[in-house]
């Protein structure tokens, strides 16, 4: 199942501080609810896990997060997530594009989800991702 989401956010941080936080995976991954860095694998990549809660069900996803693109001058970055369901067959891959401006920015998420998460239906999946991104944007000013 493919999902596209667009979110705007505001922050009191400077545009340069926000950009620095987004491309610092050790800081930004834990800002995602249920997310944690397991191991740094390169200057712009980490192994990570996230525990997703979908109603009464929860699942653990393990994978990688990398800074696939970054343009400090344009304040634009793309994070690429490739994750597999622990003990399952599903996966969740996403490109998350950040475009910053003074006082905030936008996050465009293109996700491809299979397995248990996708079986919950598009409405539930979109609702979970939407809530997760809104929670993340609220924490972004603190990382």
N, C-alpha and C. Protein backbone atom coordinates (compact mmCIF):
# COMPACT_ATOMS: atom_id res chain seq x y z
N UNK A 1 0.85 -1.17 0.00
CA UNK A 1 0.00 0.00 0.00
C UNK A 1 0.90 1.24 0.00
N UNK A 2 0.65 2.14 -0.91
CA UNK A 2 1.40 3.39 -0.97
C UNK A 2 0.61 4.49 -0.28
N UNK A 3 1.31 5.30 0.48
CA UNK A 3 0.69 6.39 1.23
C UNK A 3 1.50 7.67 0.98
N UNK A 4 0.81 8.77 0.70
CA UNK A 4 1.45 10.08 0.54
C UNK A 4 0.83 11.01 1.57
N UNK A 5 1.68 11.69 2.35
CA UNK A 5 1.20 12.63 3.36
C UNK A 5 1.99 13.93 3.26
N UNK A 6 1.33 15.03 3.55
CA UNK A 6 1.96 16.35 3.54
C UNK A 6 1.61 17.04 4.86
N UNK A 7 2.62 17.53 5.57
CA UNK A 7 2.41 18.21 6.85
C UNK A 7 3.21 19.50 6.89
N UNK A 8 2.62 20.52 7.46
CA UNK A 8 3.32 21.76 7.74
C UNK A 8 3.60 21.79 9.24
N UNK A 9 4.66 22.49 9.62
CA UNK A 9 4.94 22.62 11.05
C UNK A 9 5.59 23.97 11.31
N UNK A 10 5.52 24.38 12.56
CA UNK A 10 6.16 25.62 12.98
C UNK A 10 7.14 25.29 14.10
N UNK A 11 8.15 26.12 14.23
CA UNK A 11 9.13 25.95 15.28
C UNK A 11 9.75 27.30 15.62
N UNK A 12 10.18 27.43 16.86
CA UNK A 12 10.85 28.66 17.28
C UNK A 12 12.34 28.60 16.99
N UNK A 13 12.84 27.41 16.60
CA UNK A 13 14.26 27.26 16.29
C UNK A 13 14.60 27.99 15.00
N UNK A 14 15.86 28.38 14.88
CA UNK A 14 16.30 29.00 13.63
C UNK A 14 16.29 27.94 12.52
N UNK A 15 16.22 28.40 11.29
CA UNK A 15 16.18 27.49 10.16
C UNK A 15 17.46 26.63 10.11
N UNK A 16 18.60 27.21 10.43
CA UNK A 16 19.86 26.46 10.43
C UNK A 16 19.90 25.42 11.54
N UNK A 17 19.39 25.77 12.73
CA UNK A 17 19.34 24.80 13.83
C UNK A 17 18.39 23.65 13.50
N UNK A 18 17.25 23.96 12.89
CA UNK A 18 16.30 22.92 12.49
C UNK A 18 16.92 21.98 11.46
N UNK A 19 17.62 22.55 10.48
CA UNK A 19 18.25 21.73 9.45
C UNK A 19 19.31 20.82 10.09
N UNK A 20 20.12 21.37 10.98
CA UNK A 20 21.16 20.58 11.65
C UNK A 20 20.54 19.41 12.43
N UNK A 21 19.40 19.63 13.06
CA UNK A 21 18.72 18.57 13.81
C UNK A 21 18.20 17.48 12.89
N UNK A 22 17.63 17.86 11.76
CA UNK A 22 17.04 16.88 10.84
C UNK A 22 18.09 15.96 10.23
N UNK A 23 19.26 16.48 9.91
CA UNK A 23 20.29 15.64 9.29
C UNK A 23 21.17 14.94 10.32
N UNK A 24 20.92 15.16 11.61
CA UNK A 24 21.63 14.47 12.69
C UNK A 24 20.74 13.31 13.14
N UNK A 25 20.97 12.13 12.57
CA UNK A 25 20.09 10.99 12.81
C UNK A 25 20.07 10.56 14.27
N UNK A 26 21.18 10.75 14.99
CA UNK A 26 21.21 10.40 16.42
C UNK A 26 20.22 11.25 17.22
N UNK A 27 19.93 12.44 16.73
CA UNK A 27 18.97 13.34 17.40
C UNK A 27 17.55 13.15 16.87
N UNK A 28 17.41 12.99 15.56
CA UNK A 28 16.08 13.03 14.96
C UNK A 28 15.32 11.70 15.08
N UNK A 29 16.01 10.57 15.00
CA UNK A 29 15.31 9.27 15.09
C UNK A 29 14.58 9.12 16.42
N UNK A 30 15.21 9.42 17.58
CA UNK A 30 14.47 9.29 18.85
C UNK A 30 13.31 10.27 19.00
N UNK A 31 13.25 11.29 18.15
CA UNK A 31 12.12 12.22 18.20
C UNK A 31 10.85 11.61 17.62
N UNK A 32 10.99 10.49 16.91
CA UNK A 32 9.84 9.76 16.40
C UNK A 32 9.35 8.84 17.52
N UNK A 33 8.07 8.94 17.84
CA UNK A 33 7.53 8.12 18.93
C UNK A 33 7.83 6.65 18.70
N UNK A 34 8.45 6.01 19.70
CA UNK A 34 8.79 4.59 19.60
C UNK A 34 10.09 4.33 18.86
N UNK A 35 10.79 5.38 18.41
CA UNK A 35 12.00 5.20 17.62
C UNK A 35 13.27 5.27 18.46
N UNK A 36 14.26 4.49 18.06
CA UNK A 36 15.56 4.57 18.71
C UNK A 36 16.65 4.12 17.75
N UNK A 37 17.82 4.71 17.91
CA UNK A 37 18.99 4.33 17.13
C UNK A 37 19.63 3.13 17.81
N UNK A 38 19.91 2.10 17.02
CA UNK A 38 20.58 0.91 17.54
C UNK A 38 22.09 1.01 17.32
N UNK A 39 22.47 1.50 16.12
CA UNK A 39 23.89 1.54 15.78
C UNK A 39 24.11 2.55 14.66
N UNK A 40 25.18 3.30 14.76
CA UNK A 40 25.58 4.20 13.67
C UNK A 40 26.36 3.36 12.67
N UNK A 41 25.96 3.38 11.40
CA UNK A 41 26.60 2.56 10.38
C UNK A 41 27.42 3.38 9.39
N UNK A 42 27.31 4.69 9.46
CA UNK A 42 28.07 5.56 8.58
C UNK A 42 27.83 6.99 8.98
N UNK A 43 28.47 7.94 8.28
CA UNK A 43 28.31 9.34 8.67
C UNK A 43 26.88 9.86 8.49
N UNK A 44 26.12 9.21 7.62
CA UNK A 44 24.73 9.65 7.38
C UNK A 44 23.76 8.49 7.37
N UNK A 45 24.06 7.44 8.16
CA UNK A 45 23.15 6.29 8.21
C UNK A 45 23.23 5.60 9.57
N UNK A 46 22.07 5.06 9.98
CA UNK A 46 21.98 4.33 11.25
C UNK A 46 21.08 3.12 11.08
N UNK A 47 21.30 2.13 11.95
CA UNK A 47 20.32 1.07 12.12
C UNK A 47 19.40 1.56 13.22
N UNK A 48 18.11 1.34 13.03
CA UNK A 48 17.14 1.86 14.00
C UNK A 48 15.98 0.88 14.15
N UNK A 49 15.20 1.12 15.18
CA UNK A 49 13.96 0.37 15.36
C UNK A 49 12.88 1.34 15.79
N UNK A 50 11.66 0.94 15.47
CA UNK A 50 10.51 1.72 15.92
C UNK A 50 9.42 0.75 16.33
N UNK A 51 8.77 1.06 17.42
CA UNK A 51 7.63 0.28 17.87
C UNK A 51 6.40 1.09 17.51
N UNK A 52 5.59 0.55 16.60
CA UNK A 52 4.37 1.22 16.14
C UNK A 52 3.18 0.69 16.91
N UNK A 53 2.30 1.59 17.31
CA UNK A 53 1.05 1.20 17.95
C UNK A 53 -0.08 1.52 16.99
N UNK A 54 -0.84 0.48 16.65
CA UNK A 54 -1.97 0.63 15.74
C UNK A 54 -3.20 0.08 16.45
N UNK A 55 -3.88 0.95 17.16
CA UNK A 55 -5.03 0.49 17.94
C UNK A 55 -4.53 -0.42 19.05
N UNK A 56 -5.10 -1.63 19.14
CA UNK A 56 -4.71 -2.59 20.17
C UNK A 56 -3.45 -3.35 19.79
N UNK A 57 -3.05 -3.23 18.55
CA UNK A 57 -1.89 -3.97 18.05
C UNK A 57 -0.63 -3.10 18.08
N UNK A 58 0.50 -3.72 18.36
CA UNK A 58 1.76 -3.01 18.22
C UNK A 58 2.73 -3.94 17.49
N UNK A 59 3.67 -3.32 16.79
CA UNK A 59 4.66 -4.13 16.08
C UNK A 59 5.99 -3.39 16.07
N UNK A 60 7.05 -4.19 16.01
CA UNK A 60 8.39 -3.62 15.97
C UNK A 60 8.91 -3.73 14.54
N UNK A 61 9.47 -2.61 14.07
CA UNK A 61 10.09 -2.56 12.76
C UNK A 61 11.58 -2.28 12.96
N UNK A 62 12.43 -3.03 12.28
CA UNK A 62 13.88 -2.83 12.34
C UNK A 62 14.38 -2.48 10.95
N UNK A 63 15.35 -1.58 10.87
CA UNK A 63 15.87 -1.25 9.55
C UNK A 63 16.91 -0.16 9.60
N UNK A 64 16.97 0.59 8.50
CA UNK A 64 17.97 1.63 8.37
C UNK A 64 17.30 2.97 8.08
N UNK A 65 17.97 4.02 8.51
CA UNK A 65 17.58 5.39 8.18
C UNK A 65 18.84 6.05 7.65
N UNK A 66 18.71 6.71 6.50
CA UNK A 66 19.86 7.41 5.94
C UNK A 66 19.45 8.78 5.42
N UNK A 67 20.41 9.69 5.46
CA UNK A 67 20.21 10.99 4.83
C UNK A 67 20.52 10.77 3.35
N UNK A 68 19.49 10.63 2.54
CA UNK A 68 19.66 10.32 1.12
C UNK A 68 20.06 11.55 0.31
N UNK A 69 19.54 12.70 0.71
CA UNK A 69 19.86 13.97 0.04
C UNK A 69 19.87 15.07 1.09
N UNK A 70 20.76 16.04 0.89
CA UNK A 70 20.72 17.22 1.74
C UNK A 70 21.31 18.41 0.99
N UNK A 71 20.62 19.52 1.13
CA UNK A 71 21.06 20.77 0.53
C UNK A 71 20.92 21.84 1.62
N UNK A 72 22.03 22.11 2.31
CA UNK A 72 22.02 23.05 3.44
C UNK A 72 21.63 24.45 2.99
N UNK A 73 22.04 24.84 1.79
CA UNK A 73 21.72 26.18 1.31
C UNK A 73 20.22 26.34 1.07
N UNK A 74 19.59 25.31 0.52
CA UNK A 74 18.14 25.34 0.25
C UNK A 74 17.33 24.88 1.46
N UNK A 75 18.01 24.41 2.52
CA UNK A 75 17.35 23.89 3.72
C UNK A 75 16.37 22.77 3.37
N UNK A 76 16.86 21.83 2.58
CA UNK A 76 16.06 20.68 2.12
C UNK A 76 16.84 19.40 2.39
N UNK A 77 16.14 18.39 2.90
CA UNK A 77 16.77 17.10 3.16
C UNK A 77 15.77 15.99 2.91
N UNK A 78 16.27 14.84 2.45
CA UNK A 78 15.45 13.65 2.27
C UNK A 78 16.04 12.55 3.13
N UNK A 79 15.21 12.01 4.05
CA UNK A 79 15.60 10.86 4.83
C UNK A 79 14.94 9.63 4.22
N UNK A 80 15.71 8.56 4.06
CA UNK A 80 15.18 7.32 3.48
C UNK A 80 15.14 6.25 4.57
N UNK A 81 13.98 5.66 4.76
CA UNK A 81 13.76 4.64 5.77
C UNK A 81 13.45 3.33 5.07
N UNK A 82 14.17 2.28 5.46
CA UNK A 82 13.90 0.92 4.96
C UNK A 82 13.80 0.02 6.18
N UNK A 83 12.60 -0.50 6.44
CA UNK A 83 12.39 -1.29 7.65
C UNK A 83 11.60 -2.55 7.36
N UNK A 84 11.89 -3.59 8.14
CA UNK A 84 11.16 -4.85 8.05
C UNK A 84 10.50 -5.12 9.39
N UNK A 85 9.35 -5.75 9.32
CA UNK A 85 8.62 -6.14 10.51
C UNK A 85 9.38 -7.25 11.24
N UNK A 86 9.69 -7.04 12.52
CA UNK A 86 10.41 -8.06 13.29
C UNK A 86 9.52 -9.30 13.41
N UNK A 87 10.03 -10.43 12.99
CA UNK A 87 9.27 -11.67 13.08
C UNK A 87 8.12 -11.78 12.10
N UNK A 88 8.09 -10.93 11.11
CA UNK A 88 7.00 -10.97 10.13
C UNK A 88 7.53 -10.77 8.72
N UNK A 89 6.60 -10.71 7.79
CA UNK A 89 6.96 -10.58 6.38
C UNK A 89 6.83 -9.16 5.85
N UNK A 90 6.25 -8.28 6.63
CA UNK A 90 5.96 -6.94 6.14
C UNK A 90 7.15 -6.02 6.14
N UNK A 91 7.00 -4.93 5.40
CA UNK A 91 8.04 -3.91 5.41
C UNK A 91 7.38 -2.53 5.33
N UNK A 92 8.17 -1.54 5.69
CA UNK A 92 7.74 -0.15 5.58
C UNK A 92 8.95 0.64 5.09
N UNK A 93 8.84 1.13 3.88
CA UNK A 93 9.89 1.95 3.30
C UNK A 93 9.31 3.33 3.06
N UNK A 94 10.12 4.35 3.28
CA UNK A 94 9.61 5.72 3.11
C UNK A 94 10.74 6.67 2.73
N UNK A 95 10.37 7.64 1.92
CA UNK A 95 11.20 8.81 1.69
C UNK A 95 10.48 9.97 2.36
N UNK A 96 11.19 10.65 3.26
CA UNK A 96 10.62 11.76 4.01
C UNK A 96 11.39 13.02 3.63
N UNK A 97 10.70 13.94 2.95
CA UNK A 97 11.35 15.15 2.44
C UNK A 97 11.01 16.33 3.33
N UNK A 98 12.04 16.97 3.84
CA UNK A 98 11.90 18.16 4.68
C UNK A 98 12.27 19.38 3.84
N UNK A 99 11.39 20.36 3.80
CA UNK A 99 11.69 21.65 3.19
C UNK A 99 11.46 22.70 4.26
N UNK A 100 12.54 23.30 4.74
CA UNK A 100 12.44 24.24 5.84
C UNK A 100 12.34 25.67 5.35
N UNK A 101 11.69 26.50 6.16
CA UNK A 101 11.65 27.94 5.93
C UNK A 101 11.73 28.61 7.30
N UNK A 102 11.79 29.91 7.33
CA UNK A 102 11.85 30.60 8.61
C UNK A 102 10.59 30.28 9.42
N UNK A 103 10.78 29.76 10.62
CA UNK A 103 9.65 29.47 11.50
C UNK A 103 9.01 28.12 11.29
N UNK A 104 9.58 27.25 10.46
CA UNK A 104 8.98 25.93 10.28
C UNK A 104 9.34 25.30 8.96
N UNK A 105 8.32 24.70 8.32
CA UNK A 105 8.55 24.04 7.04
C UNK A 105 7.48 23.03 6.73
N UNK A 106 7.80 22.15 5.78
CA UNK A 106 6.87 21.09 5.38
C UNK A 106 7.61 19.75 5.40
N UNK A 107 6.83 18.72 5.63
CA UNK A 107 7.32 17.35 5.56
C UNK A 107 6.42 16.61 4.59
N UNK A 108 7.03 16.06 3.53
CA UNK A 108 6.29 15.23 2.58
C UNK A 108 6.76 13.79 2.78
N UNK A 109 5.81 12.90 3.03
CA UNK A 109 6.14 11.50 3.27
C UNK A 109 5.54 10.64 2.17
N UNK A 110 6.39 9.85 1.53
CA UNK A 110 5.93 8.85 0.57
C UNK A 110 6.34 7.50 1.17
N UNK A 111 5.35 6.71 1.60
CA UNK A 111 5.62 5.44 2.26
C UNK A 111 5.00 4.28 1.48
N UNK A 112 5.69 3.17 1.50
CA UNK A 112 5.20 1.92 0.92
C UNK A 112 5.17 0.91 2.06
N UNK A 113 3.99 0.39 2.39
CA UNK A 113 3.81 -0.47 3.56
C UNK A 113 3.16 -1.79 3.13
N UNK A 114 3.70 -2.91 3.65
CA UNK A 114 3.10 -4.22 3.40
C UNK A 114 2.98 -4.96 4.73
N UNK A 115 2.35 -6.12 4.72
CA UNK A 115 2.26 -6.96 5.92
C UNK A 115 1.12 -6.57 6.83
N UNK A 116 1.32 -6.82 8.14
CA UNK A 116 0.27 -6.58 9.14
C UNK A 116 -0.23 -5.15 9.11
N UNK A 117 0.71 -4.20 9.03
CA UNK A 117 0.32 -2.78 9.05
C UNK A 117 -0.60 -2.46 7.88
N UNK A 118 -0.27 -2.96 6.70
CA UNK A 118 -1.09 -2.70 5.52
C UNK A 118 -2.44 -3.41 5.61
N UNK A 119 -2.46 -4.56 6.29
CA UNK A 119 -3.71 -5.32 6.39
C UNK A 119 -4.75 -4.60 7.26
N UNK A 120 -4.29 -3.62 8.05
CA UNK A 120 -5.23 -2.86 8.87
C UNK A 120 -6.08 -1.91 8.04
N UNK A 121 -5.67 -1.69 6.81
CA UNK A 121 -6.44 -0.82 5.92
C UNK A 121 -5.81 0.55 5.79
N UNK A 122 -6.08 1.18 4.67
CA UNK A 122 -5.47 2.47 4.37
C UNK A 122 -5.87 3.54 5.38
N UNK A 123 -7.13 3.57 5.80
CA UNK A 123 -7.59 4.58 6.75
C UNK A 123 -6.85 4.51 8.06
N UNK A 124 -6.67 3.30 8.59
CA UNK A 124 -5.95 3.12 9.85
C UNK A 124 -4.48 3.48 9.67
N UNK A 125 -3.89 3.01 8.57
CA UNK A 125 -2.47 3.29 8.32
C UNK A 125 -2.21 4.78 8.18
N UNK A 126 -3.04 5.47 7.43
CA UNK A 126 -2.88 6.92 7.27
C UNK A 126 -3.06 7.61 8.62
N UNK A 127 -4.03 7.18 9.40
CA UNK A 127 -4.26 7.76 10.72
C UNK A 127 -3.06 7.60 11.65
N UNK A 128 -2.45 6.42 11.64
CA UNK A 128 -1.28 6.16 12.48
C UNK A 128 -0.10 7.01 12.02
N UNK A 129 0.17 7.02 10.72
CA UNK A 129 1.29 7.82 10.20
C UNK A 129 1.06 9.30 10.44
N UNK A 130 -0.16 9.75 10.24
CA UNK A 130 -0.49 11.16 10.45
C UNK A 130 -0.23 11.56 11.90
N UNK A 131 -0.70 10.75 12.84
CA UNK A 131 -0.49 11.04 14.26
C UNK A 131 1.00 11.00 14.61
N UNK A 132 1.73 10.05 14.04
CA UNK A 132 3.15 9.92 14.32
C UNK A 132 3.92 11.15 13.81
N UNK A 133 3.58 11.63 12.63
CA UNK A 133 4.26 12.80 12.08
C UNK A 133 3.91 14.06 12.85
N UNK A 134 2.65 14.21 13.25
CA UNK A 134 2.25 15.38 14.04
C UNK A 134 2.98 15.37 15.38
N UNK A 135 3.11 14.22 16.02
CA UNK A 135 3.84 14.12 17.28
C UNK A 135 5.31 14.49 17.04
N UNK A 136 5.87 13.98 15.97
CA UNK A 136 7.27 14.27 15.62
C UNK A 136 7.50 15.76 15.42
N UNK A 137 6.62 16.42 14.66
CA UNK A 137 6.82 17.85 14.40
C UNK A 137 6.73 18.65 15.69
N UNK A 138 5.93 18.18 16.65
CA UNK A 138 5.87 18.86 17.94
C UNK A 138 7.17 18.74 18.71
N UNK A 139 7.88 17.63 18.53
CA UNK A 139 9.15 17.40 19.23
C UNK A 139 10.34 18.00 18.48
N UNK A 140 10.16 18.29 17.22
CA UNK A 140 11.27 18.75 16.39
C UNK A 140 11.94 20.00 16.95
N UNK A 141 11.18 20.88 17.55
CA UNK A 141 11.74 22.09 18.13
C UNK A 141 12.60 21.84 19.36
N UNK A 142 12.55 20.61 19.88
CA UNK A 142 13.29 20.28 21.10
C UNK A 142 14.53 19.43 20.84
N UNK A 143 14.73 18.98 19.59
CA UNK A 143 15.90 18.12 19.30
C UNK A 143 17.06 18.94 18.80
